[in-house]
Protein backbone atom coordinates (compact mmCIF):
# COMPACT_ATOMS: atom_id res chain seq x y z
CA UNK A 1 -64.62 0.71 8.36
CA UNK A 2 -61.04 1.24 7.30
CA UNK A 3 -59.01 3.76 9.23
CA UNK A 4 -56.18 5.27 7.24
CA UNK A 5 -53.00 5.47 9.26
CA UNK A 6 -51.40 8.90 9.35
CA UNK A 7 -47.85 8.98 8.11
CA UNK A 8 -45.80 11.36 10.25
CA UNK A 9 -44.08 14.12 8.36
CA UNK A 10 -40.39 14.92 8.65
CA UNK A 11 -39.23 16.24 12.01
CA UNK A 12 -38.56 19.99 12.03
CA UNK A 13 -34.95 20.92 11.43
CA UNK A 14 -33.47 22.28 14.65
CA UNK A 15 -30.22 23.48 13.08
CA UNK A 16 -29.47 24.32 9.49
CA UNK A 17 -25.98 25.55 8.65
CA UNK A 18 -25.63 26.85 12.20
CA UNK A 19 -28.99 28.66 12.27
CA UNK A 20 -31.54 27.59 14.90
CA UNK A 21 -35.05 27.12 13.59
CA UNK A 22 -36.65 28.46 16.79
CA UNK A 23 -34.96 31.87 16.53
CA UNK A 24 -35.89 34.82 14.37
CA UNK A 25 -33.09 35.52 11.91
CA UNK A 26 -31.52 38.96 11.67
CA UNK A 27 -28.21 38.34 9.85
CA UNK A 28 -25.24 40.47 10.88
CA UNK A 29 -22.21 41.15 8.68
CA UNK A 30 -20.02 41.21 11.79
CA UNK A 31 -18.55 37.72 11.91
CA UNK A 32 -15.67 35.65 10.63
CA UNK A 33 -14.47 32.06 10.39
CA UNK A 34 -13.59 30.09 13.46
CA UNK A 35 -9.98 28.89 13.57
CA UNK A 36 -9.34 25.49 12.05
CA UNK A 37 -9.87 22.80 14.63
CA UNK A 38 -11.62 25.08 17.13
CA UNK A 39 -13.71 23.18 19.68
CA UNK A 40 -16.83 25.13 20.60
CA UNK A 41 -17.54 24.30 24.24
CA UNK A 42 -18.28 27.63 25.96
CA UNK A 43 -21.36 29.87 26.14
CA UNK A 44 -20.70 33.50 27.08
CA UNK A 45 -23.62 35.51 28.48
CA UNK A 46 -23.84 39.28 28.06
CA UNK A 47 -26.39 41.97 28.79
CA UNK A 48 -27.28 44.90 26.57
CA UNK A 49 -29.88 47.65 26.27
CA UNK A 50 -29.86 50.60 23.90
CA UNK A 51 -29.99 53.28 25.10
CA UNK A 52 -29.04 51.88 28.52
CA UNK A 53 -32.15 50.91 30.45
CA UNK A 54 -34.52 51.22 27.50
CA UNK A 55 -36.09 48.00 26.26
CA UNK A 56 -38.05 46.78 23.28
CA UNK A 57 -36.73 49.08 20.57
CA UNK A 58 -34.90 48.22 17.33
CA UNK A 59 -31.56 49.70 18.39
CA UNK A 60 -29.83 46.47 19.42
CA UNK A 61 -30.62 44.84 16.11
CA UNK A 62 -29.56 48.01 14.32
CA UNK A 63 -26.24 48.02 16.18
CA UNK A 64 -25.47 44.40 15.33
CA UNK A 65 -26.32 44.97 11.66
CA UNK A 66 -24.40 48.27 11.34
CA UNK A 67 -27.56 50.32 10.84
CA UNK A 68 -27.68 52.29 14.10
CA UNK A 69 -28.19 56.04 13.76
CA UNK A 70 -25.30 57.36 15.86
CA UNK A 71 -26.99 60.76 16.15
CA UNK A 72 -30.29 59.42 17.48
CA UNK A 73 -29.23 59.48 21.14
CA UNK A 74 -26.30 61.07 23.03
CA UNK A 75 -25.16 57.68 24.35
CA UNK A 76 -24.66 56.39 20.83
CA UNK A 77 -21.81 58.88 20.38
CA UNK A 78 -19.81 56.94 23.00
CA UNK A 79 -19.95 53.78 20.88
CA UNK A 80 -19.93 55.44 17.47
CA UNK A 81 -18.46 53.30 14.73
CA UNK A 82 -18.08 50.04 16.64
CA UNK A 83 -18.79 46.84 14.76
CA UNK A 84 -19.99 44.08 17.08
CA UNK A 85 -22.37 41.16 17.12
CA UNK A 86 -23.46 38.15 19.10
CA UNK A 87 -24.87 34.87 17.97
CA UNK A 88 -28.14 35.39 19.85
CA UNK A 89 -30.22 37.99 21.67
CA UNK A 90 -32.87 37.03 24.24
CA UNK A 91 -35.47 39.79 24.48
CA UNK A 92 -37.31 40.71 27.68
CA UNK A 93 -40.37 38.76 26.53
CA UNK A 94 -38.30 35.68 25.77
CA UNK A 95 -38.07 36.12 22.00
CA UNK A 96 -34.78 34.83 20.62
CA UNK A 97 -33.09 36.58 17.71
CA UNK A 98 -30.10 35.06 15.90
CA UNK A 99 -27.53 37.26 14.16
CA UNK A 100 -24.66 34.90 13.30
CA UNK A 101 -24.52 31.21 12.48
CA UNK A 102 -22.95 29.27 15.33
CA UNK A 103 -20.65 27.75 12.73
CA UNK A 104 -19.01 31.19 12.55
CA UNK A 105 -17.17 33.43 14.98
CA UNK A 106 -19.30 36.33 16.25
CA UNK A 107 -17.66 39.50 17.61
CA UNK A 108 -18.92 39.55 21.19
CA UNK A 109 -16.24 38.84 23.81
CA UNK A 110 -13.26 40.92 22.65
CA UNK A 111 -10.03 40.47 24.60
CA UNK A 112 -10.91 37.53 26.83
CA UNK A 113 -9.71 34.34 28.44
CA UNK A 114 -11.32 31.18 29.78
CA UNK A 115 -9.19 28.53 31.44
CA UNK A 116 -5.93 28.36 29.54
CA UNK A 117 -7.34 29.75 26.28
CA UNK A 118 -7.40 33.33 25.03
CA UNK A 119 -9.78 34.86 22.48
CA UNK A 120 -13.07 33.35 23.61
CA UNK A 121 -14.78 34.33 20.37
CA UNK A 122 -12.89 31.49 18.72
CA UNK A 123 -14.50 28.73 20.78
CA UNK A 124 -17.70 30.19 22.24
CA UNK A 125 -21.29 31.06 21.45
CA UNK A 126 -22.24 34.59 22.52
CA UNK A 127 -25.72 35.25 23.92
CA UNK A 128 -26.94 38.74 24.75
CA UNK A 129 -29.72 39.21 27.29
CA UNK A 130 -31.76 42.37 26.89
CA UNK A 131 -31.13 44.03 30.22
CA UNK A 132 -28.99 46.38 32.25
CA UNK A 133 -25.95 45.48 34.34
CA UNK A 134 -27.02 45.08 37.95
CA UNK A 135 -30.73 44.88 37.15
CA UNK A 136 -32.79 41.69 37.22
CA UNK A 137 -33.96 39.70 34.21
CA UNK A 138 -37.40 38.38 33.30
CA UNK A 139 -38.68 34.83 33.93
CA UNK A 140 -39.33 34.50 30.18
CA UNK A 141 -35.65 35.19 29.53
CA UNK A 142 -34.50 32.41 31.85
CA UNK A 143 -36.91 29.99 30.20
CA UNK A 144 -35.81 30.89 26.68
CA UNK A 145 -32.14 30.94 27.64
CA UNK A 146 -32.37 27.44 29.12
CA UNK A 147 -34.08 26.16 25.98
CA UNK A 148 -31.39 27.75 23.83
CA UNK A 149 -28.58 26.31 25.96
CA UNK A 150 -30.11 22.85 25.65
CA UNK A 151 -30.31 23.28 21.89
CA UNK A 152 -26.67 24.36 21.79
CA UNK A 153 -25.68 21.32 23.82
CA UNK A 154 -27.22 19.16 21.09
CA UNK A 155 -24.99 20.93 18.56
CA UNK A 156 -21.77 21.20 20.55
CA UNK A 157 -20.20 19.52 23.59
CA UNK A 158 -20.82 22.54 25.85
CA UNK A 159 -18.84 22.23 29.08
CA UNK A 160 -19.02 25.77 30.48
CA UNK A 161 -21.26 28.81 30.74
CA UNK A 162 -19.74 32.11 31.85
CA UNK A 163 -20.53 35.80 31.87
CA UNK A 164 -18.65 38.45 29.96
CA UNK A 165 -17.51 39.60 33.41
CA UNK A 166 -15.84 36.22 33.95
CA UNK A 167 -13.98 35.98 30.65
CA UNK A 168 -12.93 39.65 30.70
CA UNK A 169 -12.70 40.49 34.43
CA UNK A 170 -11.96 44.09 35.23
CA UNK A 171 -12.95 45.15 31.72
CA UNK A 172 -16.57 43.99 31.59
CA UNK A 173 -19.30 43.73 34.22
CA UNK A 174 -22.16 42.02 32.41
CA UNK A 175 -24.53 40.38 32.87
CA UNK A 176 -23.89 41.52 36.43
CA UNK A 177 -25.22 40.71 39.91
CA UNK A 178 -28.83 40.90 38.77
CA UNK A 179 -28.45 37.68 36.80
CA UNK A 180 -29.48 34.59 38.79
CA UNK A 181 -27.03 31.86 37.83
CA UNK A 182 -28.65 29.40 40.23
CA UNK A 183 -32.00 29.89 38.50
CA UNK A 184 -30.44 29.01 35.16
CA UNK A 185 -28.68 26.02 36.69
CA UNK A 186 -31.95 24.74 38.14
CA UNK A 187 -33.63 24.94 34.77
CA UNK A 188 -30.77 23.16 33.01
CA UNK A 189 -29.92 20.69 35.78
CA UNK A 190 -26.26 20.99 34.79
CA UNK A 191 -23.47 20.36 37.27
CA UNK A 192 -21.86 23.15 39.32
CA UNK A 193 -18.67 22.71 37.31
CA UNK A 194 -20.38 24.05 34.20
CA UNK A 195 -20.73 27.49 35.82
CA UNK A 196 -18.23 30.00 37.25
CA UNK A 197 -17.78 29.18 40.92
CA UNK A 198 -17.78 32.86 41.82
CA UNK A 199 -21.13 33.32 40.06
CA UNK A 200 -22.83 30.50 41.94
CA UNK A 201 -21.35 31.63 45.25
CA UNK A 202 -22.61 35.17 44.68
CA UNK A 203 -26.22 34.14 43.99
CA UNK A 204 -27.49 34.38 47.55
CA UNK A 205 -30.11 37.03 46.83
CA UNK A 206 -33.57 36.30 45.53
CA UNK A 207 -34.34 37.06 41.89
CA UNK A 208 -37.43 36.83 39.77
CA UNK A 209 -36.82 33.67 37.78
């Protein structure tokens, strides 16, 4: 009896023009080119929910694609007309949505600084976590976030992860004290130096992760 050997097919493409194959695409018009010679080595974590504290709806995707109905909720009047984006959103159930190619500059950090560099949008990847400042995040989000960070480290020489609160202190508070940095570090097995020292020092409480 002759057994026909199976010829393996091509490996799935992880990245294609800055788009990750494991994420659902929802292209945003809110992006621009990175500066010539920019070295992408930072991941900035954010938290977002629209309206605040409400999860699972289409409003975040609508905001990042300039389709949000500003009159649909009183809170939306406070952000009326803004044009923002992030590269990725991690939903409460762990689903990952991508809005901007990582080859491009998403509009997520605003006025910001990390180390001796200003304008973090130029050299970072922005990841939004569906959640509320000060509240905890879901185990599925930590798992998906770690997978995404590993994928990004295969694309770029990532040396640091920081929160919006760390690159824009005093102006932003997200993802906030409810985010368990130590839980993310355990999943990634990355060195302490990759994370904000103040974030690791502050993670003494127990979180669901």
